[in-house]
Amino acid sequence: MRINIKFLVISILVIVFVGIGISNIAGIWKTQSAKIPIYDPIDIKGSYTFSDVSKYFEIPIDDLTKAFGLDISKAKNFKCKDVKTLNTAPSEPALNIDSVRYFVAFYKGIKIDLNGDVYLPSLAKDIIINKGNPLKEQIEYLNKHLVKIEQ
């Protein structure tokens, strides 16, 4: 038995378009995605500026600035990796990129692994508690992991 080439082409086109039509009616076929970003503080990179963090996580730049003891003019272009350059007392643990990640998580009330020894500036405590939405375990962690920044 030979199949006519015209019949084969028409059959394939009908199958494709009928399949798309049925899946569209059923709500399965979608040509656009719902672009709703879900940001995770762990994904904050050292190259992010405080402006980026403020924008992506909807945290006022003033709160970030005050929490890390920065001048507002420097804060907008301040890179997260440069948190380690902030002056902490020599006897105090140093701040790092994880300090920014934890600040964001605590401020937004996002669960984060609290097994490490990550420190936050003492200036951040009031901001997190008064303006943020920290979880109970985050407040407990925060109370034990604060360092003073020398300005």
C-alpha atoms as a PDB file:
ATOM      1  CA  MET A   1       0.000   0.000   0.000  1.00  0.00           C
ATOM      2  CA  ARG A   2       1.337   3.393  -1.023  1.00  0.00           C
ATOM      3  CA  ILE A   3       0.427   6.583   0.794  1.00  0.00           C
ATOM      4  CA  ASN A   4      -0.173   9.645  -1.299  1.00  0.00           C
ATOM      5  CA  ILE A   5       2.294  12.436  -0.351  1.00  0.00           C
ATOM      6  CA  LYS A   6      -0.454  15.088  -0.422  1.00  0.00           C
ATOM      7  CA  PHE A   7      -2.556  13.017   1.968  1.00  0.00           C
ATOM      8  CA  LEU A   8       0.439  12.605   4.308  1.00  0.00           C
ATOM      9  CA  VAL A   9       1.231  16.351   4.404  1.00  0.00           C
ATOM     10  CA  ILE A  10      -2.415  17.291   4.990  1.00  0.00           C
ATOM     11  CA  SER A  11      -2.728  14.648   7.735  1.00  0.00           C
ATOM     12  CA  ILE A  12       0.363  15.940   9.551  1.00  0.00           C
ATOM     13  CA  LEU A  13      -0.830  19.548   9.377  1.00  0.00           C
ATOM     14  CA  VAL A  14      -4.298  18.595  10.623  1.00  0.00           C
ATOM     15  CA  ILE A  15      -2.834  16.577  13.512  1.00  0.00           C
ATOM     16  CA  VAL A  16      -0.502  19.452  14.537  1.00  0.00           C
ATOM     17  CA  PHE A  17      -3.103  22.216  14.369  1.00  0.00           C
ATOM     18  CA  VAL A  18      -5.889  20.149  15.932  1.00  0.00           C
ATOM     19  CA  GLY A  19      -3.461  19.140  18.705  1.00  0.00           C
ATOM     20  CA  ILE A  20      -2.539  22.757  19.366  1.00  0.00           C
ATOM     21  CA  GLY A  21      -6.197  23.801  19.287  1.00  0.00           C
ATOM     22  CA  ILE A  22      -7.257  21.116  21.746  1.00  0.00           C
ATOM     23  CA  SER A  23      -4.357  21.835  24.129  1.00  0.00           C
ATOM     24  CA  ASN A  24      -5.104  25.563  23.902  1.00  0.00           C
ATOM     25  CA  ILE A  25      -8.755  24.989  24.817  1.00  0.00           C
ATOM     26  CA  ALA A  26      -7.674  22.703  27.665  1.00  0.00           C
ATOM     27  CA  GLY A  27      -5.331  25.428  28.958  1.00  0.00           C
ATOM     28  CA  ILE A  28      -2.201  23.349  28.411  1.00  0.00           C
ATOM     29  CA  TRP A  29      -0.795  25.336  25.480  1.00  0.00           C
ATOM     30  CA  LYS A  30       0.818  28.584  26.613  1.00  0.00           C
ATOM     31  CA  THR A  31       2.961  30.788  24.424  1.00  0.00           C
ATOM     32  CA  GLN A  32       3.867  33.282  27.155  1.00  0.00           C
ATOM     33  CA  SER A  33       5.332  32.696  30.557  1.00  0.00           C
ATOM     34  CA  ALA A  34       4.230  34.443  33.723  1.00  0.00           C
ATOM     35  CA  LYS A  35       7.466  36.181  34.653  1.00  0.00           C
ATOM     36  CA  ILE A  36       7.134  36.499  38.379  1.00  0.00           C
ATOM     37  CA  PRO A  37      10.637  36.585  39.809  1.00  0.00           C
ATOM     38  CA  ILE A  38      11.236  34.737  43.023  1.00  0.00           C
ATOM     39  CA  TYR A  39      14.464  35.961  44.538  1.00  0.00           C
ATOM     40  CA  ASP A  40      16.497  34.050  47.067  1.00  0.00           C
ATOM     41  CA  PRO A  41      19.009  35.924  49.256  1.00  0.00           C
ATOM     42  CA  ILE A  42      21.492  33.074  48.771  1.00  0.00           C
ATOM     43  CA  ASP A  43      21.671  34.079  45.096  1.00  0.00           C
ATOM     44  CA  ILE A  44      23.090  37.525  45.930  1.00  0.00           C
ATOM     45  CA  LYS A  45      26.463  37.794  44.216  1.00  0.00           C
ATOM     46  CA  GLY A  46      29.422  39.906  45.219  1.00  0.00           C
ATOM     47  CA  SER A  47      29.046  41.975  42.057  1.00  0.00           C
ATOM     48  CA  TYR A  48      25.554  43.126  43.078  1.00  0.00           C
ATOM     49  CA  THR A  49      25.417  46.710  44.254  1.00  0.00           C
ATOM     50  CA  PHE A  50      23.281  47.831  47.155  1.00  0.00           C
ATOM     51  CA  SER A  51      21.019  49.424  44.535  1.00  0.00           C
ATOM     52  CA  ASP A  52      20.535  45.996  42.953  1.00  0.00           C
ATOM     53  CA  VAL A  53      19.709  44.422  46.308  1.00  0.00           C
ATOM     54  CA  SER A  54      17.302  47.252  47.091  1.00  0.00           C
ATOM     55  CA  LYS A  55      15.559  46.831  43.741  1.00  0.00           C
ATOM     56  CA  TYR A  56      15.372  43.024  43.637  1.00  0.00           C
ATOM     57  CA  PHE A  57      14.339  42.518  47.254  1.00  0.00           C
ATOM     58  CA  GLU A  58      12.306  45.704  47.699  1.00  0.00           C
ATOM     59  CA  ILE A  59      14.330  46.951  50.639  1.00  0.00           C
ATOM     60  CA  PRO A  60      14.711  50.730  50.892  1.00  0.00           C
ATOM     61  CA  ILE A  61      18.272  51.768  50.046  1.00  0.00           C
ATOM     62  CA  ASP A  62      18.249  53.922  53.198  1.00  0.00           C
ATOM     63  CA  ASP A  63      17.745  50.823  55.345  1.00  0.00           C
ATOM     64  CA  LEU A  64      20.656  49.019  53.666  1.00  0.00           C
ATOM     65  CA  THR A  65      22.810  52.105  53.985  1.00  0.00           C
ATOM     66  CA  LYS A  66      22.123  52.594  57.681  1.00  0.00           C
ATOM     67  CA  ALA A  67      22.439  48.890  58.488  1.00  0.00           C
ATOM     68  CA  PHE A  68      25.963  48.742  57.091  1.00  0.00           C
ATOM     69  CA  GLY A  69      27.031  52.201  58.253  1.00  0.00           C
ATOM     70  CA  LEU A  70      27.514  53.662  54.783  1.00  0.00           C
ATOM     71  CA  ASP A  71      27.040  57.136  53.409  1.00  0.00           C
ATOM     72  CA  ILE A  72      24.050  57.218  51.017  1.00  0.00           C
ATOM     73  CA  SER A  73      26.223  58.622  48.202  1.00  0.00           C
ATOM     74  CA  LYS A  74      28.468  55.539  48.391  1.00  0.00           C
ATOM     75  CA  ALA A  75      25.754  52.986  49.054  1.00  0.00           C
ATOM     76  CA  LYS A  76      24.083  53.002  45.646  1.00  0.00           C
ATOM     77  CA  ASN A  77      27.200  51.740  43.868  1.00  0.00           C
ATOM     78  CA  PHE A  78      28.663  49.847  46.829  1.00  0.00           C
ATOM     79  CA  LYS A  79      29.260  46.219  45.826  1.00  0.00           C
ATOM     80  CA  CYS A  80      28.202  43.502  48.224  1.00  0.00           C
ATOM     81  CA  LYS A  81      31.646  41.876  48.035  1.00  0.00           C
ATOM     82  CA  ASP A  82      33.102  45.082  49.494  1.00  0.00           C
ATOM     83  CA  VAL A  83      31.276  44.590  52.794  1.00  0.00           C
ATOM     84  CA  LYS A  84      34.457  42.863  53.967  1.00  0.00           C
ATOM     85  CA  THR A  85      36.235  46.230  53.724  1.00  0.00           C
ATOM     86  CA  LEU A  86      34.012  47.831  56.350  1.00  0.00           C
ATOM     87  CA  ASN A  87      35.965  48.589  59.486  1.00  0.00           C
ATOM     88  CA  THR A  88      35.146  46.239  62.308  1.00  0.00           C
ATOM     89  CA  ALA A  89      37.165  46.197  65.488  1.00  0.00           C
ATOM     90  CA  PRO A  90      40.238  43.939  65.176  1.00  0.00           C
ATOM     91  CA  SER A  91      38.907  41.616  67.862  1.00  0.00           C
ATOM     92  CA  GLU A  92      35.535  41.287  66.074  1.00  0.00           C
ATOM     93  CA  PRO A  93      34.723  38.797  63.309  1.00  0.00           C
ATOM     94  CA  ALA A  94      34.729  40.300  59.804  1.00  0.00           C
ATOM     95  CA  LEU A  95      31.664  40.925  57.706  1.00  0.00           C
ATOM     96  CA  ASN A  96      31.295  39.276  54.295  1.00  0.00           C
ATOM     97  CA  ILE A  97      28.833  38.675  51.466  1.00  0.00           C
ATOM     98  CA  ASP A  98      26.863  36.342  53.724  1.00  0.00           C
ATOM     99  CA  SER A  99      26.245  39.305  56.020  1.00  0.00           C
ATOM    100  CA  VAL A 100      24.305  40.967  53.201  1.00  0.00           C
ATOM    101  CA  ARG A 101      22.463  37.724  52.413  1.00  0.00           C
ATOM    102  CA  TYR A 102      21.462  37.258  56.050  1.00  0.00           C
ATOM    103  CA  PHE A 103      20.400  40.891  56.386  1.00  0.00           C
ATOM    104  CA  VAL A 104      18.090  40.516  53.387  1.00  0.00           C
ATOM    105  CA  ALA A 105      16.690  37.203  54.636  1.00  0.00           C
ATOM    106  CA  PHE A 106      16.084  38.566  58.133  1.00  0.00           C
ATOM    107  CA  TYR A 107      14.592  41.818  56.858  1.00  0.00           C
ATOM    108  CA  LYS A 108      12.200  39.993  54.536  1.00  0.00           C
ATOM    109  CA  GLY A 109      11.486  37.068  56.881  1.00  0.00           C
ATOM    110  CA  ILE A 110      12.855  34.530  54.388  1.00  0.00           C
ATOM    111  CA  LYS A 111      14.063  31.249  55.863  1.00  0.00           C
ATOM    112  CA  ILE A 112      17.801  30.746  55.519  1.00  0.00           C
ATOM    113  CA  ASP A 113      20.230  28.145  56.861  1.00  0.00           C
ATOM    114  CA  LEU A 114      21.460  29.465  60.223  1.00  0.00           C
ATOM    115  CA  ASN A 115      24.185  26.875  60.792  1.00  0.00           C
ATOM    116  CA  GLY A 116      27.133  29.109  59.894  1.00  0.00           C
ATOM    117  CA  ASP A 117      28.771  31.852  61.892  1.00  0.00           C
ATOM    118  CA  VAL A 118      27.669  34.868  59.901  1.00  0.00           C
ATOM    119  CA  TYR A 119      27.783  38.242  61.573  1.00  0.00           C
ATOM    120  CA  LEU A 120      25.784  41.375  60.921  1.00  0.00           C
ATOM    121  CA  PRO A 121      26.535  44.960  61.880  1.00  0.00           C
ATOM    122  CA  SER A 122      25.025  45.988  65.199  1.00  0.00           C
ATOM    123  CA  LEU A 123      23.401  48.882  63.312  1.00  0.00           C
ATOM    124  CA  ALA A 124      21.294  46.327  61.413  1.00  0.00           C
ATOM    125  CA  LYS A 125      19.520  44.969  64.480  1.00  0.00           C
ATOM    126  CA  ASP A 126      17.090  47.859  65.024  1.00  0.00           C
ATOM    127  CA  ILE A 127      16.402  48.155  61.310  1.00  0.00           C
ATOM    128  CA  ILE A 128      15.598  44.464  60.970  1.00  0.00           C
ATOM    129  CA  ILE A 129      13.396  44.372  64.055  1.00  0.00           C
ATOM    130  CA  ASN A 130      11.594  47.707  63.531  1.00  0.00           C
ATOM    131  CA  LYS A 131      11.234  47.811  59.757  1.00  0.00           C
ATOM    132  CA  GLY A 132      11.648  44.209  58.705  1.00  0.00           C
ATOM    133  CA  ASN A 133       9.721  41.027  59.224  1.00  0.00           C
ATOM    134  CA  PRO A 134      12.216  38.646  60.869  1.00  0.00           C
ATOM    135  CA  LEU A 135      11.317  35.164  62.045  1.00  0.00           C
ATOM    136  CA  LYS A 136      11.685  34.288  65.719  1.00  0.00           C
ATOM    137  CA  GLU A 137      14.764  32.104  65.163  1.00  0.00           C
ATOM    138  CA  GLN A 138      16.346  34.887  63.094  1.00  0.00           C
ATOM    139  CA  ILE A 139      15.968  37.363  65.973  1.00  0.00           C
ATOM    140  CA  GLU A 140      17.604  34.863  68.331  1.00  0.00           C
ATOM    141  CA  TYR A 141      20.458  34.335  65.877  1.00  0.00           C
ATOM    142  CA  LEU A 142      20.832  38.066  65.309  1.00  0.00           C
ATOM    143  CA  ASN A 143      21.185  38.772  69.031  1.00  0.00           C
ATOM    144  CA  LYS A 144      24.222  36.450  69.171  1.00  0.00           C
ATOM    145  CA  HIS A 145      25.883  37.469  65.889  1.00  0.00           C
ATOM    146  CA  LEU A 146      26.442  41.221  65.903  1.00  0.00           C
ATOM    147  CA  VAL A 147      29.631  43.216  65.326  1.00  0.00           C
ATOM    148  CA  LYS A 148      30.307  46.918  65.704  1.00  0.00           C
ATOM    149  CA  ILE A 149      31.385  48.933  62.694  1.00  0.00           C
ATOM    150  CA  GLU A 150      33.850  51.734  63.310  1.00  0.00           C
ATOM    151  CA  GLN A 151      32.696  54.733  61.307  1.00  0.00           C
END
